[in-house]
């Protein structure tokens, strides 16, 4: 079972062009507010899409969905997790989705190239709270910023809290002014501090 990574993609620019983008990348199952990586970086026909056992690995080698997806998208699966976010109505600017194990900056970078007239802000955070978290910005089809805070750092924990839409104290992280860092206190999770 992979770690689930929560991703947020914010797109800005002309409303008509943004609507075209969201229409072009939506999944058939979930519609607007979703993203199908294969519509941005298509999977070649020669890639094996079935179960991967020893016989299939011997026959297809690296020409299988798992190796291809992780090499070209960054995630072993296409986007998912929309049921978790269904309570949040699509606002025409922000996509929220999950990926397996990592960010999908290759996909977002390609999307920015396809729509150079739009601006993209992409951030993600792993369920391994405060690790595998970051932000990338794109303008005129190019990456303009890449921020990858050190795992467990103040910046990483605060970014993870923002992406996951949680309060650090509710997650058990208390700020230690003297040490200048967050400390994890398991016994304070979900407790209101006075």
C-alpha atoms as a PDB file:
ATOM      1  CA  UNK A   1       0.000   0.000   0.000  1.00  0.00           C
ATOM      2  CA  UNK A   2       1.535   3.343  -0.988  1.00  0.00           C
ATOM      3  CA  UNK A   3       1.632   6.542   0.974  1.00  0.00           C
ATOM      4  CA  UNK A   4      -1.110   8.814  -0.295  1.00  0.00           C
ATOM      5  CA  UNK A   5       0.052  12.267  -1.320  1.00  0.00           C
ATOM      6  CA  UNK A   6      -2.458  15.120  -1.323  1.00  0.00           C
ATOM      7  CA  UNK A   7      -1.961  17.509  -4.240  1.00  0.00           C
ATOM      8  CA  UNK A   8      -3.376  20.965  -4.874  1.00  0.00           C
ATOM      9  CA  UNK A   9      -3.111  22.598  -8.275  1.00  0.00           C
ATOM     10  CA  UNK A  10      -4.125  26.248  -8.541  1.00  0.00           C
ATOM     11  CA  UNK A  11      -4.536  27.681 -12.021  1.00  0.00           C
ATOM     12  CA  UNK A  12      -4.961  31.392 -12.755  1.00  0.00           C
ATOM     13  CA  UNK A  13      -5.368  33.486 -15.864  1.00  0.00           C
ATOM     14  CA  UNK A  14      -8.193  34.054 -18.325  1.00  0.00           C
ATOM     15  CA  UNK A  15     -11.427  32.372 -17.176  1.00  0.00           C
ATOM     16  CA  UNK A  16     -12.265  31.077 -20.668  1.00  0.00           C
ATOM     17  CA  UNK A  17      -8.845  29.494 -21.103  1.00  0.00           C
ATOM     18  CA  UNK A  18      -8.975  28.014 -17.593  1.00  0.00           C
ATOM     19  CA  UNK A  19     -12.370  26.471 -18.360  1.00  0.00           C
ATOM     20  CA  UNK A  20     -10.897  24.943 -21.547  1.00  0.00           C
ATOM     21  CA  UNK A  21      -8.026  23.420 -19.560  1.00  0.00           C
ATOM     22  CA  UNK A  22     -10.243  21.900 -16.874  1.00  0.00           C
ATOM     23  CA  UNK A  23     -12.591  20.493 -19.514  1.00  0.00           C
ATOM     24  CA  UNK A  24      -9.666  18.977 -21.440  1.00  0.00           C
ATOM     25  CA  UNK A  25      -8.056  17.202 -18.452  1.00  0.00           C
ATOM     26  CA  UNK A  26     -11.097  15.963 -16.518  1.00  0.00           C
ATOM     27  CA  UNK A  27     -11.564  12.250 -15.884  1.00  0.00           C
ATOM     28  CA  UNK A  28     -14.633  10.646 -17.375  1.00  0.00           C
ATOM     29  CA  UNK A  29     -15.673   9.229 -14.001  1.00  0.00           C
ATOM     30  CA  UNK A  30     -15.436  12.413 -11.897  1.00  0.00           C
ATOM     31  CA  UNK A  31     -15.845  15.243 -14.411  1.00  0.00           C
ATOM     32  CA  UNK A  32     -14.855  18.837 -13.746  1.00  0.00           C
ATOM     33  CA  UNK A  33     -12.540  19.204 -10.792  1.00  0.00           C
ATOM     34  CA  UNK A  34     -10.540  16.078 -11.644  1.00  0.00           C
ATOM     35  CA  UNK A  35      -7.389  15.455 -13.674  1.00  0.00           C
ATOM     36  CA  UNK A  36      -6.485  12.531 -15.948  1.00  0.00           C
ATOM     37  CA  UNK A  37      -2.710  12.329 -16.355  1.00  0.00           C
ATOM     38  CA  UNK A  38      -3.089  10.295 -19.558  1.00  0.00           C
ATOM     39  CA  UNK A  39      -4.727  13.297 -21.221  1.00  0.00           C
ATOM     40  CA  UNK A  40      -1.547  15.293 -20.538  1.00  0.00           C
ATOM     41  CA  UNK A  41       1.142  12.635 -20.987  1.00  0.00           C
ATOM     42  CA  UNK A  42      -0.534   9.790 -22.900  1.00  0.00           C
ATOM     43  CA  UNK A  43       0.426   6.181 -22.233  1.00  0.00           C
ATOM     44  CA  UNK A  44       1.863   4.564 -25.402  1.00  0.00           C
ATOM     45  CA  UNK A  45      -0.072   1.639 -26.882  1.00  0.00           C
ATOM     46  CA  UNK A  46       2.846  -0.758 -26.364  1.00  0.00           C
ATOM     47  CA  UNK A  47       2.717  -0.427 -22.561  1.00  0.00           C
ATOM     48  CA  UNK A  48       1.316  -3.565 -20.903  1.00  0.00           C
ATOM     49  CA  UNK A  49      -1.710  -2.656 -18.734  1.00  0.00           C
ATOM     50  CA  UNK A  50      -2.517  -5.969 -17.009  1.00  0.00           C
ATOM     51  CA  UNK A  51      -1.520  -7.703 -13.790  1.00  0.00           C
ATOM     52  CA  UNK A  52       2.206  -7.736 -13.094  1.00  0.00           C
ATOM     53  CA  UNK A  53       3.525 -11.085 -11.972  1.00  0.00           C
ATOM     54  CA  UNK A  54       6.943 -12.646 -12.668  1.00  0.00           C
ATOM     55  CA  UNK A  55       5.841 -13.958 -16.092  1.00  0.00           C
ATOM     56  CA  UNK A  56       4.564 -10.547 -17.205  1.00  0.00           C
ATOM     57  CA  UNK A  57       7.677  -8.786 -15.919  1.00  0.00           C
ATOM     58  CA  UNK A  58       9.856 -11.255 -17.867  1.00  0.00           C
ATOM     59  CA  UNK A  59       7.790 -10.802 -21.035  1.00  0.00           C
ATOM     60  CA  UNK A  60       7.318  -6.999 -20.992  1.00  0.00           C
ATOM     61  CA  UNK A  61      10.297  -5.792 -18.965  1.00  0.00           C
ATOM     62  CA  UNK A  62      10.057  -2.045 -18.342  1.00  0.00           C
ATOM     63  CA  UNK A  63       7.224  -1.747 -20.898  1.00  0.00           C
ATOM     64  CA  UNK A  64       4.608  -2.147 -18.192  1.00  0.00           C
ATOM     65  CA  UNK A  65       2.214   0.321 -16.614  1.00  0.00           C
ATOM     66  CA  UNK A  66       3.994   0.494 -13.247  1.00  0.00           C
ATOM     67  CA  UNK A  67       7.432   1.366 -14.597  1.00  0.00           C
ATOM     68  CA  UNK A  68       6.022   3.663 -17.270  1.00  0.00           C
ATOM     69  CA  UNK A  69       3.700   5.566 -14.899  1.00  0.00           C
ATOM     70  CA  UNK A  70       6.369   6.163 -12.257  1.00  0.00           C
ATOM     71  CA  UNK A  71       8.934   7.223 -14.873  1.00  0.00           C
ATOM     72  CA  UNK A  72       6.641   9.540 -16.815  1.00  0.00           C
ATOM     73  CA  UNK A  73       4.056  10.734 -14.320  1.00  0.00           C
ATOM     74  CA  UNK A  74       5.877  10.323 -11.011  1.00  0.00           C
ATOM     75  CA  UNK A  75       3.045   8.267  -9.477  1.00  0.00           C
ATOM     76  CA  UNK A  76       2.296   4.580  -9.897  1.00  0.00           C
ATOM     77  CA  UNK A  77      -1.390   5.359 -10.516  1.00  0.00           C
ATOM     78  CA  UNK A  78      -3.380   8.090 -12.181  1.00  0.00           C
ATOM     79  CA  UNK A  79      -4.979  10.688  -9.887  1.00  0.00           C
ATOM     80  CA  UNK A  80      -7.530   9.472  -7.347  1.00  0.00           C
ATOM     81  CA  UNK A  81      -9.119  10.353  -4.022  1.00  0.00           C
ATOM     82  CA  UNK A  82     -11.906  12.498  -5.391  1.00  0.00           C
ATOM     83  CA  UNK A  83     -14.503  10.881  -3.122  1.00  0.00           C
ATOM     84  CA  UNK A  84     -12.561  12.310  -0.172  1.00  0.00           C
ATOM     85  CA  UNK A  85     -12.871  15.811  -1.611  1.00  0.00           C
ATOM     86  CA  UNK A  86     -16.478  15.645  -2.850  1.00  0.00           C
ATOM     87  CA  UNK A  87     -17.670  17.868  -0.023  1.00  0.00           C
ATOM     88  CA  UNK A  88     -15.584  20.656  -1.550  1.00  0.00           C
ATOM     89  CA  UNK A  89     -17.247  21.942  -4.698  1.00  0.00           C
ATOM     90  CA  UNK A  90     -14.912  22.626  -7.624  1.00  0.00           C
ATOM     91  CA  UNK A  91     -14.283  26.380  -7.697  1.00  0.00           C
ATOM     92  CA  UNK A  92     -12.932  26.641 -11.254  1.00  0.00           C
ATOM     93  CA  UNK A  93      -9.385  27.358 -10.038  1.00  0.00           C
ATOM     94  CA  UNK A  94      -8.186  24.621  -7.667  1.00  0.00           C
ATOM     95  CA  UNK A  95      -7.894  20.884  -8.181  1.00  0.00           C
ATOM     96  CA  UNK A  96      -7.426  18.612  -5.159  1.00  0.00           C
ATOM     97  CA  UNK A  97      -6.406  15.023  -5.781  1.00  0.00           C
ATOM     98  CA  UNK A  98      -4.230  12.242  -4.461  1.00  0.00           C
ATOM     99  CA  UNK A  99      -1.279  10.374  -5.930  1.00  0.00           C
ATOM    100  CA  UNK A 100       0.664   7.304  -4.880  1.00  0.00           C
ATOM    101  CA  UNK A 101       4.060   7.910  -3.234  1.00  0.00           C
ATOM    102  CA  UNK A 102       5.050  11.225  -4.800  1.00  0.00           C
ATOM    103  CA  UNK A 103       4.218  14.454  -6.532  1.00  0.00           C
ATOM    104  CA  UNK A 104       3.511  14.529 -10.252  1.00  0.00           C
ATOM    105  CA  UNK A 105       5.541  17.576 -11.242  1.00  0.00           C
ATOM    106  CA  UNK A 106       6.313  16.004 -14.645  1.00  0.00           C
ATOM    107  CA  UNK A 107       2.577  16.073 -15.426  1.00  0.00           C
ATOM    108  CA  UNK A 108       2.076  19.600 -14.100  1.00  0.00           C
ATOM    109  CA  UNK A 109       5.177  20.847 -15.958  1.00  0.00           C
ATOM    110  CA  UNK A 110       3.814  19.416 -19.208  1.00  0.00           C
ATOM    111  CA  UNK A 111       0.404  20.969 -18.508  1.00  0.00           C
ATOM    112  CA  UNK A 112       2.097  24.354 -18.006  1.00  0.00           C
ATOM    113  CA  UNK A 113       3.833  23.912 -21.382  1.00  0.00           C
ATOM    114  CA  UNK A 114       0.480  23.134 -23.021  1.00  0.00           C
ATOM    115  CA  UNK A 115      -1.115  26.267 -21.511  1.00  0.00           C
ATOM    116  CA  UNK A 116       1.683  28.877 -21.394  1.00  0.00           C
ATOM    117  CA  UNK A 117      -0.860  31.691 -21.101  1.00  0.00           C
ATOM    118  CA  UNK A 118      -1.909  30.439 -17.641  1.00  0.00           C
ATOM    119  CA  UNK A 119      -0.126  30.489 -14.270  1.00  0.00           C
ATOM    120  CA  UNK A 120       0.205  27.347 -12.160  1.00  0.00           C
ATOM    121  CA  UNK A 121       0.919  26.889  -8.472  1.00  0.00           C
ATOM    122  CA  UNK A 122       1.302  23.252  -7.447  1.00  0.00           C
ATOM    123  CA  UNK A 123       1.841  21.988  -3.908  1.00  0.00           C
ATOM    124  CA  UNK A 124       1.734  18.562  -2.310  1.00  0.00           C
ATOM    125  CA  UNK A 125       2.157  16.832   1.029  1.00  0.00           C
ATOM    126  CA  UNK A 126       2.593  13.168   1.903  1.00  0.00           C
ATOM    127  CA  UNK A 127       0.526  11.448   4.573  1.00  0.00           C
ATOM    128  CA  UNK A 128       3.940  10.921   6.247  1.00  0.00           C
ATOM    129  CA  UNK A 129       3.279  14.284   7.853  1.00  0.00           C
ATOM    130  CA  UNK A 130       5.991  16.899   7.285  1.00  0.00           C
ATOM    131  CA  UNK A 131       7.932  14.775   4.775  1.00  0.00           C
ATOM    132  CA  UNK A 132       7.746  14.666   0.972  1.00  0.00           C
ATOM    133  CA  UNK A 133       6.198  18.116   0.787  1.00  0.00           C
ATOM    134  CA  UNK A 134       6.821  20.953  -1.647  1.00  0.00           C
ATOM    135  CA  UNK A 135       5.665  23.615  -4.060  1.00  0.00           C
ATOM    136  CA  UNK A 136       6.399  24.418  -7.693  1.00  0.00           C
ATOM    137  CA  UNK A 137       5.321  27.482  -9.645  1.00  0.00           C
ATOM    138  CA  UNK A 138       4.989  27.787 -13.430  1.00  0.00           C
ATOM    139  CA  UNK A 139       4.627  30.834 -15.661  1.00  0.00           C
ATOM    140  CA  UNK A 140       4.777  31.179 -19.463  1.00  0.00           C
ATOM    141  CA  UNK A 141       5.138  27.395 -19.731  1.00  0.00           C
ATOM    142  CA  UNK A 142       8.290  27.288 -17.568  1.00  0.00           C
ATOM    143  CA  UNK A 143       8.984  26.317 -13.980  1.00  0.00           C
ATOM    144  CA  UNK A 144       9.794  29.523 -12.105  1.00  0.00           C
ATOM    145  CA  UNK A 145      10.099  28.243  -8.540  1.00  0.00           C
ATOM    146  CA  UNK A 146      10.768  24.963  -6.763  1.00  0.00           C
ATOM    147  CA  UNK A 147      10.576  24.885  -2.970  1.00  0.00           C
ATOM    148  CA  UNK A 148      11.321  21.582  -1.214  1.00  0.00           C
ATOM    149  CA  UNK A 149      11.682  22.143   2.536  1.00  0.00           C
ATOM    150  CA  UNK A 150      13.670  19.639   4.575  1.00  0.00           C
ATOM    151  CA  UNK A 151      11.505  16.885   5.994  1.00  0.00           C
ATOM    152  CA  UNK A 152      10.344  17.579   9.526  1.00  0.00           C
ATOM    153  CA  UNK A 153      11.397  21.246   9.374  1.00  0.00           C
ATOM    154  CA  UNK A 154       9.153  24.085  10.545  1.00  0.00           C
ATOM    155  CA  UNK A 155       8.493  25.009   6.899  1.00  0.00           C
ATOM    156  CA  UNK A 156       7.668  21.424   5.889  1.00  0.00           C
ATOM    157  CA  UNK A 157       5.291  20.909   8.811  1.00  0.00           C
ATOM    158  CA  UNK A 158       3.509  24.211   8.163  1.00  0.00           C
ATOM    159  CA  UNK A 159       3.182  23.450   4.444  1.00  0.00           C
ATOM    160  CA  UNK A 160       1.854  19.952   5.201  1.00  0.00           C
ATOM    161  CA  UNK A 161      -0.722  21.422   7.583  1.00  0.00           C
ATOM    162  CA  UNK A 162      -1.832  23.888   4.911  1.00  0.00           C
ATOM    163  CA  UNK A 163      -2.158  21.224   2.187  1.00  0.00           C
ATOM    164  CA  UNK A 164      -3.959  18.768   4.489  1.00  0.00           C
ATOM    165  CA  UNK A 165      -6.077  21.597   5.928  1.00  0.00           C
ATOM    166  CA  UNK A 166      -5.317  20.715   9.536  1.00  0.00           C
ATOM    167  CA  UNK A 167      -4.058  22.563  12.582  1.00  0.00           C
ATOM    168  CA  UNK A 168      -0.555  21.579  13.722  1.00  0.00           C
ATOM    169  CA  UNK A 169      -1.596  21.520  17.375  1.00  0.00           C
ATOM    170  CA  UNK A 170      -4.465  19.159  16.548  1.00  0.00           C
ATOM    171  CA  UNK A 171      -1.877  16.877  14.918  1.00  0.00           C
ATOM    172  CA  UNK A 172       0.280  16.936  18.068  1.00  0.00           C
ATOM    173  CA  UNK A 173       2.915  19.462  16.941  1.00  0.00           C
ATOM    174  CA  UNK A 174       3.605  22.163  19.492  1.00  0.00           C
ATOM    175  CA  UNK A 175       5.895  25.114  18.895  1.00  0.00           C
ATOM    176  CA  UNK A 176       8.874  25.268  21.253  1.00  0.00           C
ATOM    177  CA  UNK A 177       9.917  28.910  21.310  1.00  0.00           C
ATOM    178  CA  UNK A 178      13.203  28.204  23.068  1.00  0.00           C
ATOM    179  CA  UNK A 179      14.270  25.503  20.607  1.00  0.00           C
ATOM    180  CA  UNK A 180      12.791  27.348  17.613  1.00  0.00           C
ATOM    181  CA  UNK A 181      11.089  24.222  16.276  1.00  0.00           C
ATOM    182  CA  UNK A 182       7.953  22.113  16.447  1.00  0.00           C
ATOM    183  CA  UNK A 183       7.972  19.161  18.808  1.00  0.00           C
ATOM    184  CA  UNK A 184       5.638  16.210  18.466  1.00  0.00           C
ATOM    185  CA  UNK A 185       3.569  15.377  21.554  1.00  0.00           C
ATOM    186  CA  UNK A 186       1.492  12.270  20.964  1.00  0.00           C
ATOM    187  CA  UNK A 187      -0.590  12.887  24.086  1.00  0.00           C
ATOM    188  CA  UNK A 188      -1.785  16.283  22.787  1.00  0.00           C
ATOM    189  CA  UNK A 189      -3.346  15.023  19.531  1.00  0.00           C
ATOM    190  CA  UNK A 190      -6.901  16.250  19.281  1.00  0.00           C
ATOM    191  CA  UNK A 191      -6.758  17.922  22.669  1.00  0.00           C
ATOM    192  CA  UNK A 192      -7.391  21.606  23.105  1.00  0.00           C
ATOM    193  CA  UNK A 193      -4.501  23.249  24.918  1.00  0.00           C
ATOM    194  CA  UNK A 194      -5.062  25.950  27.484  1.00  0.00           C
END
